[in-house]
N, C-alpha and C. Protein backbone atom coordinates (compact mmCIF):
# COMPACT_ATOMS: atom_id res chain seq x y z
N MET A 1 -9.99 10.65 -24.38
CA MET A 1 -9.93 10.08 -23.05
C MET A 1 -10.87 8.88 -22.96
N ALA A 2 -10.46 7.88 -22.25
CA ALA A 2 -11.23 6.64 -22.14
C ALA A 2 -12.43 6.82 -21.24
N LYS A 3 -13.49 6.09 -21.55
CA LYS A 3 -14.70 6.11 -20.72
C LYS A 3 -14.64 4.96 -19.74
N TYR A 4 -14.94 5.25 -18.49
CA TYR A 4 -14.96 4.21 -17.47
C TYR A 4 -16.37 4.11 -16.91
N SER A 5 -16.68 2.98 -16.32
CA SER A 5 -17.98 2.81 -15.71
C SER A 5 -18.07 3.69 -14.46
N GLU A 6 -19.28 3.90 -14.00
CA GLU A 6 -19.49 4.74 -12.82
C GLU A 6 -18.80 4.13 -11.59
N LYS A 7 -18.85 2.81 -11.50
CA LYS A 7 -18.21 2.11 -10.38
C LYS A 7 -16.70 2.33 -10.39
N ALA A 8 -16.09 2.29 -11.58
CA ALA A 8 -14.66 2.51 -11.71
C ALA A 8 -14.30 3.95 -11.34
N SER A 9 -15.13 4.89 -11.78
CA SER A 9 -14.88 6.30 -11.45
C SER A 9 -14.94 6.54 -9.96
N GLU A 10 -15.87 5.90 -9.28
CA GLU A 10 -15.99 6.03 -7.82
C GLU A 10 -14.74 5.47 -7.14
N LYS A 11 -14.26 4.34 -7.62
CA LYS A 11 -13.08 3.70 -7.04
C LYS A 11 -11.84 4.59 -7.20
N VAL A 12 -11.69 5.21 -8.38
CA VAL A 12 -10.57 6.11 -8.61
C VAL A 12 -10.68 7.32 -7.69
N GLY A 13 -11.89 7.83 -7.51
CA GLY A 13 -12.11 8.95 -6.60
C GLY A 13 -11.72 8.61 -5.18
N GLU A 14 -12.06 7.40 -4.75
CA GLU A 14 -11.71 6.95 -3.39
C GLU A 14 -10.19 6.88 -3.22
N THR A 15 -9.50 6.33 -4.21
CA THR A 15 -8.05 6.19 -4.09
C THR A 15 -7.36 7.56 -4.11
N LEU A 16 -7.87 8.49 -4.91
CA LEU A 16 -7.30 9.84 -4.91
C LEU A 16 -7.50 10.51 -3.55
N HIS A 17 -8.65 10.28 -2.95
CA HIS A 17 -8.92 10.83 -1.63
C HIS A 17 -7.95 10.24 -0.60
N GLU A 18 -7.73 8.92 -0.69
CA GLU A 18 -6.77 8.27 0.22
C GLU A 18 -5.36 8.84 0.03
N MET A 19 -4.99 9.10 -1.24
CA MET A 19 -3.66 9.64 -1.52
C MET A 19 -3.51 11.02 -0.86
N LYS A 20 -4.53 11.86 -0.99
CA LYS A 20 -4.48 13.20 -0.42
C LYS A 20 -4.38 13.16 1.10
N GLU A 21 -5.00 12.14 1.70
CA GLU A 21 -4.92 11.98 3.16
C GLU A 21 -3.60 11.37 3.59
N GLY A 22 -2.85 10.79 2.65
CA GLY A 22 -1.58 10.16 2.97
C GLY A 22 -1.70 8.72 3.41
N LYS A 23 -2.83 8.09 3.12
CA LYS A 23 -3.06 6.71 3.55
C LYS A 23 -2.82 5.67 2.46
N LEU A 24 -2.68 6.13 1.20
CA LEU A 24 -2.52 5.19 0.09
C LEU A 24 -1.07 4.74 -0.03
N LYS A 25 -0.87 3.42 -0.09
CA LYS A 25 0.47 2.87 -0.20
C LYS A 25 0.55 1.97 -1.43
N SER A 26 1.73 1.91 -2.02
CA SER A 26 1.95 1.06 -3.20
C SER A 26 2.22 -0.37 -2.73
N GLY A 27 2.46 -1.25 -3.68
CA GLY A 27 2.72 -2.65 -3.35
C GLY A 27 3.96 -2.85 -2.50
N SER A 28 4.95 -1.98 -2.66
CA SER A 28 6.18 -2.09 -1.88
C SER A 28 6.03 -1.52 -0.47
N GLY A 29 4.92 -0.86 -0.21
CA GLY A 29 4.68 -0.32 1.13
C GLY A 29 4.99 1.16 1.26
N LYS A 30 5.53 1.77 0.19
CA LYS A 30 5.85 3.20 0.24
C LYS A 30 4.59 4.03 0.00
N LYS A 31 4.57 5.24 0.54
CA LYS A 31 3.44 6.13 0.37
C LYS A 31 3.37 6.63 -1.07
N VAL A 32 2.18 6.65 -1.64
CA VAL A 32 1.99 7.11 -3.02
C VAL A 32 1.83 8.62 -3.01
N THR A 33 2.65 9.31 -3.84
CA THR A 33 2.57 10.76 -3.93
C THR A 33 2.17 11.23 -5.32
N SER A 34 2.22 10.36 -6.31
CA SER A 34 1.91 10.70 -7.69
C SER A 34 0.41 10.50 -7.97
N LYS A 35 -0.21 11.52 -8.57
CA LYS A 35 -1.62 11.43 -8.93
C LYS A 35 -1.86 10.34 -9.98
N LYS A 36 -0.93 10.23 -10.93
CA LYS A 36 -1.05 9.21 -11.98
C LYS A 36 -1.00 7.80 -11.38
N GLN A 37 -0.12 7.61 -10.41
CA GLN A 37 0.00 6.30 -9.78
C GLN A 37 -1.26 5.97 -8.99
N ALA A 38 -1.84 6.97 -8.33
CA ALA A 38 -3.08 6.75 -7.57
C ALA A 38 -4.22 6.36 -8.50
N ILE A 39 -4.30 6.98 -9.67
CA ILE A 39 -5.33 6.64 -10.64
C ILE A 39 -5.14 5.21 -11.13
N ALA A 40 -3.89 4.84 -11.40
CA ALA A 40 -3.59 3.48 -11.87
C ALA A 40 -3.98 2.44 -10.82
N ILE A 41 -3.72 2.73 -9.56
CA ILE A 41 -4.10 1.81 -8.48
C ILE A 41 -5.62 1.69 -8.41
N GLY A 42 -6.32 2.82 -8.52
CA GLY A 42 -7.78 2.80 -8.49
C GLY A 42 -8.38 1.99 -9.62
N LEU A 43 -7.83 2.15 -10.83
CA LEU A 43 -8.33 1.38 -11.97
C LEU A 43 -8.04 -0.10 -11.82
N SER A 44 -6.88 -0.41 -11.28
CA SER A 44 -6.52 -1.81 -11.06
C SER A 44 -7.48 -2.46 -10.07
N GLU A 45 -7.79 -1.75 -8.98
CA GLU A 45 -8.72 -2.30 -7.99
C GLU A 45 -10.12 -2.43 -8.57
N ALA A 46 -10.52 -1.49 -9.44
CA ALA A 46 -11.83 -1.56 -10.08
C ALA A 46 -11.91 -2.78 -10.99
N ARG A 47 -10.81 -3.06 -11.72
CA ARG A 47 -10.77 -4.25 -12.58
C ARG A 47 -10.98 -5.52 -11.76
N LYS A 48 -10.32 -5.57 -10.60
CA LYS A 48 -10.43 -6.75 -9.75
C LYS A 48 -11.86 -6.95 -9.25
N GLN A 49 -12.60 -5.84 -9.08
CA GLN A 49 -13.99 -5.92 -8.62
C GLN A 49 -14.96 -6.19 -9.76
N GLY A 50 -14.46 -6.20 -11.00
CA GLY A 50 -15.29 -6.52 -12.15
C GLY A 50 -15.92 -5.33 -12.83
N ALA A 51 -15.44 -4.12 -12.57
CA ALA A 51 -15.98 -2.93 -13.21
C ALA A 51 -15.53 -2.85 -14.66
N LYS A 52 -16.28 -2.11 -15.49
CA LYS A 52 -15.94 -1.96 -16.90
C LYS A 52 -14.81 -0.94 -17.02
N VAL A 53 -13.62 -1.45 -17.33
CA VAL A 53 -12.44 -0.61 -17.48
C VAL A 53 -11.70 -1.11 -18.71
N PRO A 54 -11.25 -0.20 -19.60
CA PRO A 54 -10.49 -0.66 -20.78
C PRO A 54 -9.24 -1.45 -20.38
N LYS A 55 -8.79 -2.30 -21.28
CA LYS A 55 -7.60 -3.12 -21.02
C LYS A 55 -6.37 -2.25 -20.81
N GLN A 56 -5.42 -2.79 -20.06
CA GLN A 56 -4.16 -2.09 -19.84
C GLN A 56 -3.34 -2.12 -21.13
N LYS A 57 -2.59 -1.06 -21.41
CA LYS A 57 -1.71 -1.05 -22.56
C LYS A 57 -0.51 -1.94 -22.28
N SER A 58 -0.14 -2.75 -23.25
CA SER A 58 0.99 -3.66 -23.03
C SER A 58 2.25 -3.11 -23.61
């Protein structure tokens, strides 16, 4: 399993919490119900904030 920075882990935790509350939405505007998708969104947002996150697989 990949190691993420503490900041990235916090961001993923926040997005999972939002998903459980039903407030997390994808780019198309639909509600996110998949745990994997919520984690991907959290990592993406962490990357944008400059946190240490491994590169995306191409």
